[in-house]
Amino acid sequence: MEKEPPSQPEEAPARQRIWRRSAPHAPLPPDTEEVIEETARPLADIADALGRPHVQKSLSNNMLEIMAWDLMGALTAENEYNQHIRRFLNVLLGDDPDTAHLELFDSYDAQEAAYRDQLVLLVQESLSRSDEFLHRITRSRDKVAFAIEQRAQLKRQLERACSGPARTDSL
């Protein structure tokens, strides 16, 4: 038995709008469409930009400062860890003046020497990874600090442009 094709194609069910569906813990405001339209509305002048709530919120939001402080805390903690690893490596290699007189490993025992070499390699790898992490987190913090400065400059320029004669070429 062959199935006959339907005489009329079935209509696909209407899709709900994405922003109308949200998790119950984070409902979107009922006027979402109005907010989107207000945000996407063309600017009349610079004062119009400063008068918009989302622009004010963006220029006064302190999340970048919080991020910079968190990155600084992580940088400080990793730097302390890095210093401990460096000291431990110096002790293992016998380069630490405070512990140079101690015989930590029997240099005549081949098995202990092999264990020490493996430990030194592990500590060097850990130190290398810590150095890389310090480099990356320092670069991240520098970029966040740069973004903070750029935002502050933009805010000053916008305020200056609104208070002075109508000039848009200074931006």
C-alpha atoms as a PDB file:
ATOM      1  CA  MET A   1       0.000   0.000   0.000  1.00  0.00           C
ATOM      2  CA  GLU A   2       1.356   3.305  -1.035  1.00  0.00           C
ATOM      3  CA  LYS A   3       0.626   6.378   0.972  1.00  0.00           C
ATOM      4  CA  GLU A   4      -0.903   9.190  -0.956  1.00  0.00           C
ATOM      5  CA  PRO A   5       0.796  12.550  -0.702  1.00  0.00           C
ATOM      6  CA  PRO A   6      -1.302  15.081   1.182  1.00  0.00           C
ATOM      7  CA  SER A   7      -3.352  17.328  -1.033  1.00  0.00           C
ATOM      8  CA  GLN A   8      -2.170  20.463   0.771  1.00  0.00           C
ATOM      9  CA  PRO A   9       1.204  20.919   2.463  1.00  0.00           C
ATOM     10  CA  GLU A  10       0.952  21.165   6.223  1.00  0.00           C
ATOM     11  CA  GLU A  11       1.858  24.505   7.728  1.00  0.00           C
ATOM     12  CA  ALA A  12       4.764  24.574  10.095  1.00  0.00           C
ATOM     13  CA  PRO A  13       3.788  25.585  13.599  1.00  0.00           C
ATOM     14  CA  ALA A  14       4.507  29.201  14.421  1.00  0.00           C
ATOM     15  CA  ARG A  15       7.800  29.626  16.236  1.00  0.00           C
ATOM     16  CA  GLN A  16       7.860  31.540  19.423  1.00  0.00           C
ATOM     17  CA  ARG A  17      10.133  34.519  19.629  1.00  0.00           C
ATOM     18  CA  ILE A  18      13.385  33.754  21.361  1.00  0.00           C
ATOM     19  CA  TRP A  19      13.272  36.651  23.812  1.00  0.00           C
ATOM     20  CA  ARG A  20       9.801  35.691  24.960  1.00  0.00           C
ATOM     21  CA  ARG A  21      11.168  32.401  26.275  1.00  0.00           C
ATOM     22  CA  SER A  22      13.481  32.630  29.220  1.00  0.00           C
ATOM     23  CA  ALA A  23      14.382  30.647  32.262  1.00  0.00           C
ATOM     24  CA  PRO A  24      12.061  31.137  35.225  1.00  0.00           C
ATOM     25  CA  HIS A  25      14.944  32.427  37.353  1.00  0.00           C
ATOM     26  CA  ALA A  26      15.795  35.178  34.873  1.00  0.00           C
ATOM     27  CA  PRO A  27      12.623  36.480  33.258  1.00  0.00           C
ATOM     28  CA  LEU A  28      12.957  39.195  30.676  1.00  0.00           C
ATOM     29  CA  PRO A  29      11.008  42.397  31.227  1.00  0.00           C
ATOM     30  CA  PRO A  30       7.659  42.524  29.457  1.00  0.00           C
ATOM     31  CA  ASP A  31       8.712  45.571  27.437  1.00  0.00           C
ATOM     32  CA  THR A  32      11.715  43.897  25.793  1.00  0.00           C
ATOM     33  CA  GLU A  33      10.700  44.910  22.293  1.00  0.00           C
ATOM     34  CA  GLU A  34      10.425  48.564  23.319  1.00  0.00           C
ATOM     35  CA  VAL A  35      13.875  48.407  24.941  1.00  0.00           C
ATOM     36  CA  ILE A  36      15.360  46.907  21.777  1.00  0.00           C
ATOM     37  CA  GLU A  37      13.720  49.559  19.608  1.00  0.00           C
ATOM     38  CA  GLU A  38      14.904  52.353  21.927  1.00  0.00           C
ATOM     39  CA  THR A  39      18.441  50.980  21.911  1.00  0.00           C
ATOM     40  CA  ALA A  40      18.545  50.629  18.134  1.00  0.00           C
ATOM     41  CA  ARG A  41      17.031  54.080  17.476  1.00  0.00           C
ATOM     42  CA  PRO A  42      19.442  56.383  15.571  1.00  0.00           C
ATOM     43  CA  LEU A  43      21.173  59.100  17.545  1.00  0.00           C
ATOM     44  CA  ALA A  44      20.055  62.681  17.026  1.00  0.00           C
ATOM     45  CA  ASP A  45      23.182  64.163  18.606  1.00  0.00           C
ATOM     46  CA  ILE A  46      25.769  63.432  21.283  1.00  0.00           C
ATOM     47  CA  ALA A  47      23.538  64.675  24.093  1.00  0.00           C
ATOM     48  CA  ASP A  48      20.965  62.142  22.931  1.00  0.00           C
ATOM     49  CA  ALA A  49      23.559  59.397  23.408  1.00  0.00           C
ATOM     50  CA  LEU A  50      24.351  60.483  26.960  1.00  0.00           C
ATOM     51  CA  GLY A  51      20.655  60.677  27.773  1.00  0.00           C
ATOM     52  CA  ARG A  52      20.027  57.034  26.951  1.00  0.00           C
ATOM     53  CA  PRO A  53      19.912  54.771  30.003  1.00  0.00           C
ATOM     54  CA  HIS A  54      21.896  51.931  28.429  1.00  0.00           C
ATOM     55  CA  VAL A  55      24.725  54.323  27.510  1.00  0.00           C
ATOM     56  CA  GLN A  56      24.774  55.769  31.020  1.00  0.00           C
ATOM     57  CA  LYS A  57      24.803  52.267  32.455  1.00  0.00           C
ATOM     58  CA  SER A  58      27.678  51.246  30.177  1.00  0.00           C
ATOM     59  CA  LEU A  59      29.744  54.309  31.039  1.00  0.00           C
ATOM     60  CA  SER A  60      29.186  53.999  34.790  1.00  0.00           C
ATOM     61  CA  ASN A  61      29.330  50.210  35.151  1.00  0.00           C
ATOM     62  CA  ASN A  62      32.173  49.131  37.430  1.00  0.00           C
ATOM     63  CA  MET A  63      32.517  45.542  36.182  1.00  0.00           C
ATOM     64  CA  LEU A  64      35.813  46.296  34.455  1.00  0.00           C
ATOM     65  CA  GLU A  65      37.246  47.643  37.705  1.00  0.00           C
ATOM     66  CA  ILE A  66      36.049  44.543  39.570  1.00  0.00           C
ATOM     67  CA  MET A  67      37.616  42.356  36.888  1.00  0.00           C
ATOM     68  CA  ALA A  68      40.899  44.274  37.168  1.00  0.00           C
ATOM     69  CA  TRP A  69      40.957  43.805  40.948  1.00  0.00           C
ATOM     70  CA  ASP A  70      40.195  40.083  40.607  1.00  0.00           C
ATOM     71  CA  LEU A  71      42.949  39.702  38.036  1.00  0.00           C
ATOM     72  CA  MET A  72      45.340  41.570  40.327  1.00  0.00           C
ATOM     73  CA  GLY A  73      44.458  39.201  43.179  1.00  0.00           C
ATOM     74  CA  ALA A  74      45.069  36.179  40.962  1.00  0.00           C
ATOM     75  CA  LEU A  75      48.322  37.720  39.767  1.00  0.00           C
ATOM     76  CA  THR A  76      49.514  38.289  43.333  1.00  0.00           C
ATOM     77  CA  ALA A  77      48.606  34.756  44.434  1.00  0.00           C
ATOM     78  CA  GLU A  78      50.290  33.179  41.396  1.00  0.00           C
ATOM     79  CA  ASN A  79      53.395  35.316  41.916  1.00  0.00           C
ATOM     80  CA  GLU A  80      53.692  34.078  45.508  1.00  0.00           C
ATOM     81  CA  TYR A  81      53.277  30.484  44.307  1.00  0.00           C
ATOM     82  CA  ASN A  82      55.872  31.104  41.612  1.00  0.00           C
ATOM     83  CA  GLN A  83      58.376  32.368  44.186  1.00  0.00           C
ATOM     84  CA  HIS A  84      57.875  29.229  46.308  1.00  0.00           C
ATOM     85  CA  ILE A  85      58.481  27.023  43.266  1.00  0.00           C
ATOM     86  CA  ARG A  86      61.652  28.963  42.427  1.00  0.00           C
ATOM     87  CA  ARG A  87      62.946  28.586  45.970  1.00  0.00           C
ATOM     88  CA  PHE A  88      62.139  24.856  45.969  1.00  0.00           C
ATOM     89  CA  LEU A  89      63.968  24.426  42.650  1.00  0.00           C
ATOM     90  CA  ASN A  90      66.998  26.263  44.043  1.00  0.00           C
ATOM     91  CA  VAL A  91      66.990  23.949  47.061  1.00  0.00           C
ATOM     92  CA  LEU A  92      66.774  20.867  44.828  1.00  0.00           C
ATOM     93  CA  LEU A  93      69.617  22.059  42.644  1.00  0.00           C
ATOM     94  CA  GLY A  94      71.750  23.006  45.648  1.00  0.00           C
ATOM     95  CA  ASP A  95      71.828  26.682  44.644  1.00  0.00           C
ATOM     96  CA  ASP A  96      70.102  27.982  47.781  1.00  0.00           C
ATOM     97  CA  PRO A  97      72.677  29.510  50.160  1.00  0.00           C
ATOM     98  CA  ASP A  98      70.566  28.688  53.232  1.00  0.00           C
ATOM     99  CA  THR A  99      70.404  24.960  52.459  1.00  0.00           C
ATOM    100  CA  ALA A 100      73.595  24.431  50.441  1.00  0.00           C
ATOM    101  CA  HIS A 101      75.302  22.715  53.380  1.00  0.00           C
ATOM    102  CA  LEU A 102      72.536  20.094  53.668  1.00  0.00           C
ATOM    103  CA  GLU A 103      72.864  16.830  51.805  1.00  0.00           C
ATOM    104  CA  LEU A 104      69.277  16.283  50.624  1.00  0.00           C
ATOM    105  CA  PHE A 105      70.037  13.442  48.227  1.00  0.00           C
ATOM    106  CA  ASP A 106      72.714  10.813  48.242  1.00  0.00           C
ATOM    107  CA  SER A 107      74.662  11.749  45.140  1.00  0.00           C
ATOM    108  CA  TYR A 108      76.298   8.294  45.023  1.00  0.00           C
ATOM    109  CA  ASP A 109      72.989   6.414  44.845  1.00  0.00           C
ATOM    110  CA  ALA A 110      71.907   6.188  41.185  1.00  0.00           C
ATOM    111  CA  GLN A 111      68.252   5.600  42.050  1.00  0.00           C
ATOM    112  CA  GLU A 112      68.074   8.671  44.304  1.00  0.00           C
ATOM    113  CA  ALA A 113      69.801  10.737  41.616  1.00  0.00           C
ATOM    114  CA  ALA A 114      67.230   9.569  39.063  1.00  0.00           C
ATOM    115  CA  TYR A 115      64.389  10.475  41.449  1.00  0.00           C
ATOM    116  CA  ARG A 116      65.945  13.872  42.039  1.00  0.00           C
ATOM    117  CA  ASP A 117      66.256  14.451  38.280  1.00  0.00           C
ATOM    118  CA  GLN A 118      62.595  13.492  37.770  1.00  0.00           C
ATOM    119  CA  LEU A 119      61.571  15.819  40.590  1.00  0.00           C
ATOM    120  CA  VAL A 120      63.641  18.653  39.141  1.00  0.00           C
ATOM    121  CA  LEU A 121      61.982  18.144  35.740  1.00  0.00           C
ATOM    122  CA  LEU A 122      58.524  18.229  37.324  1.00  0.00           C
ATOM    123  CA  VAL A 123      59.338  21.379  39.290  1.00  0.00           C
ATOM    124  CA  GLN A 124      60.807  23.035  36.190  1.00  0.00           C
ATOM    125  CA  GLU A 125      57.655  22.173  34.229  1.00  0.00           C
ATOM    126  CA  SER A 126      55.496  23.580  37.018  1.00  0.00           C
ATOM    127  CA  LEU A 127      57.604  26.726  37.079  1.00  0.00           C
ATOM    128  CA  SER A 128      57.327  27.086  33.314  1.00  0.00           C
ATOM    129  CA  ARG A 129      53.548  26.775  33.466  1.00  0.00           C
ATOM    130  CA  SER A 130      53.385  29.264  36.316  1.00  0.00           C
ATOM    131  CA  ASP A 131      55.500  31.720  34.327  1.00  0.00           C
ATOM    132  CA  GLU A 132      53.195  31.312  31.324  1.00  0.00           C
ATOM    133  CA  PHE A 133      50.128  31.851  33.508  1.00  0.00           C
ATOM    134  CA  LEU A 134      51.697  34.977  35.022  1.00  0.00           C
ATOM    135  CA  HIS A 135      52.435  36.297  31.539  1.00  0.00           C
ATOM    136  CA  ARG A 136      48.900  35.669  30.301  1.00  0.00           C
ATOM    137  CA  ILE A 137      47.168  37.074  33.370  1.00  0.00           C
ATOM    138  CA  THR A 138      49.397  40.160  33.272  1.00  0.00           C
ATOM    139  CA  ARG A 139      48.473  40.741  29.629  1.00  0.00           C
ATOM    140  CA  SER A 140      44.779  40.258  30.455  1.00  0.00           C
ATOM    141  CA  ARG A 141      44.946  42.761  33.301  1.00  0.00           C
ATOM    142  CA  ASP A 142      46.786  45.240  31.087  1.00  0.00           C
ATOM    143  CA  LYS A 143      44.044  44.950  28.458  1.00  0.00           C
ATOM    144  CA  VAL A 144      41.300  45.428  31.055  1.00  0.00           C
ATOM    145  CA  ALA A 145      43.123  48.479  32.433  1.00  0.00           C
ATOM    146  CA  PHE A 146      43.410  49.827  28.878  1.00  0.00           C
ATOM    147  CA  ALA A 147      39.663  49.306  28.356  1.00  0.00           C
ATOM    148  CA  ILE A 148      38.959  51.178  31.607  1.00  0.00           C
ATOM    149  CA  GLU A 149      41.090  54.096  30.428  1.00  0.00           C
ATOM    150  CA  GLN A 150      39.460  54.110  26.986  1.00  0.00           C
ATOM    151  CA  ARG A 151      35.992  54.152  28.564  1.00  0.00           C
ATOM    152  CA  ALA A 152      36.986  57.040  30.839  1.00  0.00           C
ATOM    153  CA  GLN A 153      38.348  59.004  27.860  1.00  0.00           C
ATOM    154  CA  LEU A 154      35.167  58.361  25.875  1.00  0.00           C
ATOM    155  CA  LYS A 155      33.029  59.545  28.780  1.00  0.00           C
ATOM    156  CA  ARG A 156      35.113  62.737  29.153  1.00  0.00           C
ATOM    157  CA  GLN A 157      34.938  63.435  25.415  1.00  0.00           C
ATOM    158  CA  LEU A 158      31.182  62.905  25.328  1.00  0.00           C
ATOM    159  CA  GLU A 159      30.635  65.157  28.346  1.00  0.00           C
ATOM    160  CA  ARG A 160      32.911  67.819  26.869  1.00  0.00           C
ATOM    161  CA  ALA A 161      31.103  67.626  23.525  1.00  0.00           C
ATOM    162  CA  CYS A 162      27.720  67.984  25.233  1.00  0.00           C
ATOM    163  CA  SER A 163      28.776  70.953  27.340  1.00  0.00           C
ATOM    164  CA  GLY A 164      30.540  72.836  24.554  1.00  0.00           C
ATOM    165  CA  PRO A 165      29.417  73.852  21.073  1.00  0.00           C
ATOM    166  CA  ALA A 166      27.973  71.090  18.928  1.00  0.00           C
ATOM    167  CA  ARG A 167      31.091  69.484  17.504  1.00  0.00           C
ATOM    168  CA  THR A 168      31.198  65.919  16.365  1.00  0.00           C
ATOM    169  CA  ASP A 169      34.609  66.046  14.687  1.00  0.00           C
ATOM    170  CA  SER A 170      36.487  65.858  18.025  1.00  0.00           C
ATOM    171  CA  LEU A 171      35.319  62.286  18.624  1.00  0.00           C
END
